N, C-alpha and C. Protein backbone atom coordinates (compact mmCIF):
# COMPACT_ATOMS: atom_id res chain seq x y z
N HIS A 1 -0.47 13.89 -1.09
CA HIS A 1 0.59 13.08 -0.73
C HIS A 1 0.17 11.47 -0.57
N TYR A 2 0.38 10.87 -0.62
CA TYR A 2 0.86 9.36 0.07
C TYR A 2 1.67 8.89 1.10
N LEU A 3 1.43 7.96 1.93
CA LEU A 3 2.20 7.32 2.95
C LEU A 3 1.91 5.87 2.27
N ALA A 4 3.74 5.18 1.77
CA ALA A 4 3.35 3.96 1.75
C ALA A 4 4.02 2.99 2.31
N VAL A 5 3.32 2.43 3.20
CA VAL A 5 4.17 1.38 4.60
C VAL A 5 4.08 -0.01 3.88
N THR A 6 5.36 -0.23 4.06
CA THR A 6 5.67 -2.41 3.86
C THR A 6 6.04 -3.28 4.83
N GLN A 7 5.93 -4.35 5.00
CA GLN A 7 6.58 -4.84 6.27
C GLN A 7 6.71 -6.29 5.60
N GLY A 8 7.84 -6.60 4.56
CA GLY A 8 7.95 -7.76 4.17
C GLY A 8 6.93 -8.51 3.36
N GLY A 9 6.77 -9.43 3.91
CA GLY A 9 5.57 -10.46 3.05
C GLY A 9 4.63 -10.25 3.88
N GLU A 10 4.37 -9.50 4.86
CA GLU A 10 2.86 -9.34 5.18
C GLU A 10 2.17 -8.25 4.51
N GLN A 11 1.21 -7.62 5.20
CA GLN A 11 0.02 -6.44 4.52
C GLN A 11 1.11 -5.35 3.91
N ALA A 12 0.58 -4.42 3.04
CA ALA A 12 1.27 -3.07 2.90
C ALA A 12 0.07 -2.44 2.83
N ARG A 13 0.86 -0.90 2.98
CA ARG A 13 -0.63 -0.33 3.05
C ARG A 13 0.00 1.31 2.23
N LEU A 14 -1.23 1.97 1.73
CA LEU A 14 -0.93 3.06 0.82
C LEU A 14 -2.12 4.07 1.39
N SER A 15 -1.45 4.92 2.44
CA SER A 15 -3.02 5.95 2.67
C SER A 15 -2.60 7.66 2.39
N ARG A 16 -3.66 7.99 2.17
CA ARG A 16 -3.64 9.55 2.19
C ARG A 16 -5.23 10.38 2.69
N ARG A 17 -4.84 11.49 2.86
CA ARG A 17 -6.25 12.24 3.94
C ARG A 17 -7.20 12.44 3.14
N CYS A 18 -8.18 12.31 3.55
CA CYS A 18 -9.47 12.70 2.27
C CYS A 18 -10.00 14.08 2.52
N ARG A 19 -10.21 14.55 1.21
CA ARG A 19 -10.42 15.95 0.97
C ARG A 19 -11.97 15.92 0.77
N GLY A 20 -12.50 15.00 0.77
CA GLY A 20 -14.30 15.76 0.65
C GLY A 20 -14.71 14.68 -0.68
N GLY A 21 -14.70 13.50 -1.61
CA GLY A 21 -14.67 13.09 -2.78
C GLY A 21 -15.75 12.63 -2.75
N SER A 22 -16.68 12.10 -3.79
CA SER A 22 -17.21 11.22 -4.10
C SER A 22 -17.67 9.73 -2.88
N MET A 23 -16.22 9.36 -2.53
CA MET A 23 -16.45 8.19 -2.18
C MET A 23 -16.02 8.87 -0.26
N GLU A 24 -15.89 10.05 -0.10
CA GLU A 24 -15.07 10.68 0.75
C GLU A 24 -16.33 11.38 1.32
N GLU A 25 -17.32 11.91 1.24
CA GLU A 25 -18.19 12.84 1.64
C GLU A 25 -18.41 12.43 3.06
N GLY A 26 -17.92 13.68 3.45
CA GLY A 26 -18.06 14.31 5.16
C GLY A 26 -17.07 13.37 5.96
N ARG A 27 -15.85 13.10 5.05
CA ARG A 27 -14.68 12.49 6.10
C ARG A 27 -13.42 13.44 6.02
N GLU A 28 -13.70 14.64 5.62
CA GLU A 28 -12.56 15.40 5.36
C GLU A 28 -11.88 15.27 7.00
N GLY A 29 -10.83 15.50 6.36
CA GLY A 29 -9.52 15.19 7.86
C GLY A 29 -9.61 13.86 8.13
N GLY A 30 -10.28 12.52 7.66
CA GLY A 30 -9.90 11.67 7.85
C GLY A 30 -8.78 10.90 7.06
N THR A 31 -8.85 9.34 6.82
CA THR A 31 -7.68 8.66 5.68
C THR A 31 -8.73 7.91 4.79
N VAL A 32 -7.92 7.76 3.51
CA VAL A 32 -8.07 6.55 2.76
C VAL A 32 -6.88 5.78 2.48
N THR A 33 -6.61 4.51 3.06
CA THR A 33 -6.32 3.67 3.01
C THR A 33 -6.75 2.62 2.24
N TYR A 34 -5.47 2.11 1.45
CA TYR A 34 -5.47 0.91 0.49
C TYR A 34 -4.69 -0.21 1.09
N VAL A 35 -5.09 -1.02 1.48
CA VAL A 35 -4.63 -2.49 2.27
C VAL A 35 -4.62 -3.23 1.48
N TYR A 36 -3.11 -3.78 1.02
CA TYR A 36 -2.56 -5.02 -0.09
C TYR A 36 -2.16 -5.97 0.47
N GLY A 37 -3.02 -7.24 0.17
CA GLY A 37 -2.89 -8.11 0.52
C GLY A 37 -1.94 -8.76 0.02
N LEU A 38 -0.49 -9.67 0.15
CA LEU A 38 0.59 -9.92 -0.56
C LEU A 38 0.20 -11.42 -1.20
N PRO A 39 0.58 -12.11 -1.85
CA PRO A 39 0.43 -13.53 -2.30
C PRO A 39 1.52 -14.16 -1.27
N ARG A 40 1.44 -15.38 -1.02
CA ARG A 40 2.86 -16.37 -0.26
C ARG A 40 3.00 -16.92 -0.92
N LEU A 41 5.02 -16.55 -1.01
CA LEU A 41 5.42 -17.18 -1.91
C LEU A 41 6.32 -18.35 -0.77
N SER A 42 6.72 -19.82 -1.55
CA SER A 42 6.93 -20.51 -1.41
C SER A 42 9.20 -20.20 -0.66
N VAL A 43 9.27 -21.66 -0.11
CA VAL A 43 10.53 -21.54 0.94
C VAL A 43 11.50 -21.55 -0.77
N GLU A 44 10.73 -22.04 -1.49
CA GLU A 44 12.42 -22.28 -2.79
C GLU A 44 11.75 -20.99 -3.31
N GLU A 45 10.69 -20.50 -3.70
CA GLU A 45 10.46 -18.86 -4.44
C GLU A 45 11.46 -17.93 -4.22
N LEU A 46 11.66 -17.79 -2.00
CA LEU A 46 12.48 -17.13 -1.78
C LEU A 46 14.13 -16.99 -1.59
N VAL A 47 14.83 -16.61 -2.52
CA VAL A 47 16.31 -16.49 -3.14
C VAL A 47 17.00 -15.46 -2.18
N ASN A 48 16.59 -14.37 -2.24
CA ASN A 48 17.18 -13.27 -1.94
C ASN A 48 16.57 -12.19 -2.00
N PRO A 49 15.82 -11.77 -0.90
CA PRO A 49 15.05 -10.46 -0.17
C PRO A 49 15.70 -9.34 -0.42
N ILE A 50 17.24 -9.32 -0.17
CA ILE A 50 18.08 -8.04 -0.31
C ILE A 50 17.82 -7.03 -1.59
N GLY A 51 17.25 -5.80 -0.91
CA GLY A 51 17.01 -5.00 -2.24
C GLY A 51 15.76 -5.05 -2.82
N ALA A 52 14.22 -5.94 -2.31
CA ALA A 52 13.11 -5.93 -2.66
C ALA A 52 12.35 -4.80 -2.68
N GLY A 53 12.69 -3.59 -1.08
CA GLY A 53 12.20 -2.37 -1.31
C GLY A 53 12.98 -1.63 -2.55
N ASP A 54 14.20 -1.45 -2.70
CA ASP A 54 14.70 -1.06 -3.58
C ASP A 54 13.75 -1.16 -5.19
N ALA A 55 13.64 -2.41 -5.09
CA ALA A 55 12.76 -2.70 -6.43
C ALA A 55 11.32 -2.03 -6.28
N CYS A 56 10.53 -2.55 -5.42
CA CYS A 56 9.15 -1.67 -4.81
C CYS A 56 9.62 -0.01 -5.56
N SER A 57 10.11 0.37 -4.69
CA SER A 57 10.65 2.21 -4.75
C SER A 57 10.77 2.71 -6.27
N GLY A 58 11.61 1.72 -6.67
CA GLY A 58 11.42 1.89 -8.14
C GLY A 58 10.22 1.44 -9.38
N ALA A 59 9.97 0.14 -9.11
CA ALA A 59 8.62 -0.05 -9.80
C ALA A 59 7.60 0.87 -9.57
N THR A 60 7.17 1.41 -8.20
CA THR A 60 5.99 2.30 -8.07
C THR A 60 6.26 3.52 -8.70
N LEU A 61 7.45 4.11 -8.62
CA LEU A 61 7.68 5.56 -8.80
C LEU A 61 7.46 5.14 -10.78
N SER A 62 8.47 4.42 -11.32
CA SER A 62 8.57 4.48 -12.78
C SER A 62 7.07 3.80 -13.47
N ALA A 63 6.09 3.24 -12.85
CA ALA A 63 4.71 2.69 -13.36
C ALA A 63 3.69 3.86 -12.65
N ALA A 64 3.65 4.57 -11.85
CA ALA A 64 2.69 6.16 -11.50
C ALA A 64 3.59 7.13 -12.39
N LEU A 65 4.44 7.13 -13.03
CA LEU A 65 5.30 8.15 -14.19
C LEU A 65 4.18 8.17 -15.36
N VAL A 66 4.72 6.56 -15.73
CA VAL A 66 4.29 6.13 -17.04
C VAL A 66 2.64 6.28 -17.51
N GLN A 67 1.96 5.68 -16.07
CA GLN A 67 0.41 5.94 -16.16
C GLN A 67 0.06 7.56 -16.07
N ARG A 68 0.57 8.33 -15.57
CA ARG A 68 0.06 9.77 -15.40
C ARG A 68 0.58 10.42 -16.84
N GLN A 69 1.52 10.22 -17.07
CA GLN A 69 2.10 10.79 -18.47
C GLN A 69 0.73 10.00 -19.46
N ARG A 70 0.70 8.71 -19.36
CA ARG A 70 -0.48 8.54 -20.38
C ARG A 70 -2.26 9.07 -20.17
N GLU A 71 -2.11 9.43 -18.71
CA GLU A 71 -3.64 9.51 -18.64
C GLU A 71 -3.46 11.55 -19.06
N LYS A 72 -2.42 12.23 -19.02
CA LYS A 72 -2.66 13.44 -19.38
C LYS A 72 -2.54 13.37 -20.73
N ARG A 73 -1.78 13.01 -21.93
CA ARG A 73 -2.00 12.61 -23.02
C ARG A 73 -2.99 12.89 -23.30
N ARG A 74 -4.15 11.49 -22.85
CA ARG A 74 -5.54 11.31 -22.52
C ARG A 74 -6.42 12.53 -22.92
N GLU A 75 -6.01 12.97 -21.72
CA GLU A 75 -7.00 14.11 -21.75
C GLU A 75 -6.50 15.53 -22.20
N GLU A 76 -5.48 15.64 -22.46
CA GLU A 76 -5.17 16.61 -23.38
C GLU A 76 -5.76 16.47 -25.07
N GLY A 77 -5.64 15.02 -25.61
CA GLY A 77 -6.26 14.81 -26.87
C GLY A 77 -5.48 15.17 -27.87
N GLY A 78 -4.09 14.83 -27.66
CA GLY A 78 -3.15 15.57 -28.40
C GLY A 78 -3.32 17.32 -28.76
N LYS A 79 -3.61 18.03 -27.87
CA LYS A 79 -3.57 19.19 -27.65
C LYS A 79 -2.30 19.64 -26.87
N GLU A 80 -1.55 20.86 -27.01
CA GLU A 80 -1.14 21.43 -25.67
C GLU A 80 -1.65 21.43 -24.79
N CYS A 81 -0.40 21.01 -23.06
CA CYS A 81 -0.72 21.49 -22.08
C CYS A 81 -1.93 22.63 -21.58
N ARG A 82 -2.83 22.24 -21.00
CA ARG A 82 -3.94 23.41 -20.33
C ARG A 82 -3.35 24.18 -20.00
N LYS A 83 -3.49 25.52 -19.80
CA LYS A 83 -2.84 26.64 -18.97
C LYS A 83 -2.45 25.90 -17.57
N GLU A 84 -1.32 25.68 -17.21
CA GLU A 84 -1.36 24.92 -15.91
C GLU A 84 -2.00 24.38 -15.62
N GLU A 85 -2.83 22.96 -15.68
CA GLU A 85 -4.17 22.39 -14.98
C GLU A 85 -5.22 23.61 -14.97
N GLN A 86 -5.55 25.25 -15.39
CA GLN A 86 -6.03 25.58 -14.88
C GLN A 86 -5.84 26.12 -14.03
N GLU A 87 -4.00 27.16 -13.72
CA GLU A 87 -3.38 27.50 -12.66
C GLU A 87 -3.70 26.71 -11.25
N GLU A 88 -3.48 25.46 -11.55
CA GLU A 88 -2.80 24.23 -10.20
C GLU A 88 -4.45 24.18 -9.19
N GLU A 89 -5.16 23.98 -10.07
CA GLU A 89 -6.39 23.54 -9.30
C GLU A 89 -6.48 22.56 -8.65
N GLU A 90 -7.09 22.36 -7.49
CA GLU A 90 -6.82 21.58 -6.37
C GLU A 90 -6.66 20.15 -6.90
N ASP A 91 -5.77 19.17 -6.58
CA ASP A 91 -5.74 18.04 -6.76
C ASP A 91 -6.80 17.35 -6.30
N ASP A 92 -7.39 16.38 -7.40
CA ASP A 92 -8.38 15.65 -6.96
C ASP A 92 -7.60 14.45 -6.83
N ASP A 93 -8.17 13.67 -5.44
CA ASP A 93 -6.80 12.54 -5.01
C ASP A 93 -7.50 11.82 -5.59
N GLU A 94 -8.66 11.29 -5.94
CA GLU A 94 -9.31 10.25 -6.77
C GLU A 94 -8.70 10.01 -7.93
N GLU A 95 -8.83 11.13 -8.52
CA GLU A 95 -8.20 10.84 -10.09
C GLU A 95 -6.77 10.13 -9.78
N ASP A 96 -5.85 10.92 -8.51
CA ASP A 96 -4.92 10.44 -8.35
C ASP A 96 -4.49 9.18 -8.17
N ASP A 97 -5.75 8.20 -7.29
CA ASP A 97 -5.51 7.33 -6.57
C ASP A 97 -6.01 5.93 -8.25
N ALA A 98 -6.10 6.62 -9.05
CA ALA A 98 -6.02 5.73 -10.35
C ALA A 98 -4.99 5.31 -10.63
N TRP A 99 -4.04 6.07 -10.83
CA TRP A 99 -2.50 5.86 -11.12
C TRP A 99 -1.31 5.41 -10.12
N VAL A 100 -1.84 5.87 -9.10
CA VAL A 100 -0.96 5.49 -7.98
C VAL A 100 -1.35 4.32 -6.86
N VAL A 101 -2.37 4.02 -6.99
CA VAL A 101 -3.04 2.74 -6.36
C VAL A 101 -2.04 1.63 -7.34
N PRO A 102 -2.62 1.22 -8.39
CA PRO A 102 -1.84 0.31 -9.21
C PRO A 102 -0.15 0.06 -9.14
N ALA A 103 0.11 1.08 -9.21
CA ALA A 103 1.56 1.59 -9.39
C ALA A 103 1.82 0.97 -8.22
N PHE A 104 1.87 1.03 -7.02
CA PHE A 104 2.08 0.46 -5.83
C PHE A 104 1.94 -1.12 -5.88
N ARG A 105 0.68 -0.97 -6.83
CA ARG A 105 0.68 -2.63 -6.59
C ARG A 105 1.90 -3.41 -7.40
N LEU A 106 1.87 -2.61 -8.25
CA LEU A 106 3.24 -3.46 -9.82
C LEU A 106 4.41 -3.54 -8.68
N GLY A 107 4.93 -2.06 -7.62
CA GLY A 107 6.03 -2.50 -7.34
C GLY A 107 6.25 -3.24 -5.74
N LEU A 108 5.03 -3.63 -5.59
CA LEU A 108 4.83 -4.86 -4.27
C LEU A 108 5.25 -6.26 -5.02
N ALA A 109 4.29 -6.43 -6.28
CA ALA A 109 4.57 -7.56 -7.44
C ALA A 109 6.29 -7.61 -7.88
N ALA A 110 7.11 -6.25 -8.05
CA ALA A 110 8.32 -6.35 -8.36
C ALA A 110 9.09 -6.77 -7.26
N ALA A 111 9.00 -6.20 -5.77
CA ALA A 111 9.24 -6.59 -4.80
C ALA A 111 9.75 -8.40 -4.55
N SER A 112 7.97 -8.93 -4.69
CA SER A 112 8.11 -10.01 -4.02
C SER A 112 9.26 -10.93 -5.56
N ALA A 113 8.75 -10.50 -6.87
CA ALA A 113 9.62 -11.02 -7.88
C ALA A 113 11.16 -11.69 -7.55
N SER A 114 11.34 -9.99 -7.13
CA SER A 114 13.03 -10.05 -7.15
C SER A 114 13.75 -10.61 -5.90
N CYS A 115 12.63 -11.13 -4.81
CA CYS A 115 12.73 -12.07 -3.71
C CYS A 115 13.48 -13.57 -4.67
N GLY A 116 12.76 -13.88 -5.61
CA GLY A 116 13.50 -14.99 -6.39
C GLY A 116 14.40 -14.72 -7.16
N GLU A 117 15.12 -13.61 -7.00
CA GLU A 117 16.29 -13.71 -7.98
C GLU A 117 17.68 -13.56 -7.29
N GLU A 118 18.74 -13.85 -7.24
CA GLU A 118 19.80 -13.92 -6.78
C GLU A 118 20.83 -12.32 -6.62
N GLU A 119 20.60 -12.11 -7.83
CA GLU A 119 21.16 -10.45 -7.53
C GLU A 119 19.92 -9.74 -7.05
N ASN A 120 20.67 -8.63 -6.30
CA ASN A 120 20.14 -7.96 -5.41
C ASN A 120 18.80 -6.79 -6.48
N SER A 121 17.72 -6.58 -5.90
CA SER A 121 16.83 -5.73 -6.59
C SER A 121 16.43 -6.10 -7.82
N THR A 122 17.06 -6.88 -8.57
CA THR A 122 16.52 -7.31 -9.75
C THR A 122 14.82 -7.75 -9.88
N PHE A 123 14.25 -8.26 -11.27
CA PHE A 123 13.11 -9.09 -11.01
C PHE A 123 13.16 -9.07 -12.70
N ARG A 124 12.17 -10.22 -12.97
CA ARG A 124 11.77 -10.29 -14.27
C ARG A 124 10.37 -9.91 -14.69
N LEU A 125 10.20 -9.28 -15.05
CA LEU A 125 8.73 -8.42 -15.33
C LEU A 125 7.50 -8.88 -15.54
N GLU A 126 8.10 -10.22 -16.13
CA GLU A 126 6.61 -11.34 -16.93
C GLU A 126 6.33 -12.12 -15.34
N ARG A 127 7.32 -12.32 -14.46
CA ARG A 127 7.31 -12.57 -13.24
C ARG A 127 6.41 -11.67 -12.18
N ALA A 128 6.88 -10.46 -12.39
CA ALA A 128 6.14 -9.43 -11.46
C ALA A 128 4.93 -9.07 -12.06
N ARG A 129 4.37 -9.29 -13.07
CA ARG A 129 3.19 -9.62 -13.62
C ARG A 129 2.34 -10.51 -13.19
N ALA A 130 2.73 -11.67 -13.15
CA ALA A 130 2.04 -12.62 -12.76
C ALA A 130 1.65 -12.20 -11.01
N LEU A 131 2.40 -11.72 -10.38
CA LEU A 131 2.25 -11.59 -8.94
C LEU A 131 1.29 -10.66 -8.59
N GLU A 132 1.67 -9.74 -9.56
CA GLU A 132 0.22 -8.68 -9.39
C GLU A 132 -0.85 -9.01 -9.44
N SER A 133 -1.39 -10.10 -10.04
CA SER A 133 -2.76 -10.10 -10.16
C SER A 133 -2.80 -10.93 -9.04
N LEU A 134 -1.91 -11.70 -8.11
CA LEU A 134 -2.21 -12.46 -7.14
C LEU A 134 -2.62 -11.12 -6.02
N ILE A 135 -2.37 -10.30 -6.25
CA ILE A 135 -2.52 -9.21 -4.92
C ILE A 135 -3.65 -8.33 -4.85
N THR A 136 -4.18 -8.31 -3.85
CA THR A 136 -5.65 -7.92 -3.31
C THR A 136 -5.65 -6.53 -2.79
N ILE A 137 -6.50 -5.80 -2.88
CA ILE A 137 -6.53 -4.28 -2.53
C ILE A 137 -8.02 -3.95 -1.89
N GLU A 138 -7.92 -3.96 -0.56
CA GLU A 138 -8.96 -3.51 0.51
C GLU A 138 -8.71 -1.80 0.25
N VAL A 139 -10.04 -1.28 0.31
CA VAL A 139 -10.25 -0.12 0.33
C VAL A 139 -10.76 0.03 2.01
N GLN A 140 -9.81 1.08 2.90
CA GLN A 140 -10.76 1.48 4.13
C GLN A 140 -11.10 3.25 4.16
N VAL A 141 -11.85 3.64 4.60
CA VAL A 141 -11.90 5.17 4.78
C VAL A 141 -12.05 5.24 5.86
N THR A 142 -11.46 6.23 6.46
CA THR A 142 -11.87 6.33 8.11
C THR A 142 -11.93 7.85 8.12
N ARG A 143 -12.56 8.40 9.90
CA ARG A 143 -12.68 9.74 9.80
C ARG A 143 -11.81 9.64 10.76
């Protein structure tokens, strides 16, 4: 489970509990937080911020589902689904991070791009992709 927190044009955060994976050794019960640095938009680029949160949520969910589906197909190698992932073995959070972290980054870029449009919660994908490349991610692991 993840908790995503945004604050307008300020830093955004995506957090989850540590479960002792390779980068989290000895930190069970702590948290992994991804801190996203957003690009500063000029006054001319800020047309309408209404609906930016909706754009972020929708783009994040869409990107996460698409990426998860791609990874499942890659893992399966064209074969039928494994027996419900060996009867739902424990989620590997670090593997989930591989698709959730970039999905939220794209969501934040979509939110920023939507601020440049007159209509609420709409954006141009090319603009979102350009902004996505400007978003930095810092990882913080705490106990």
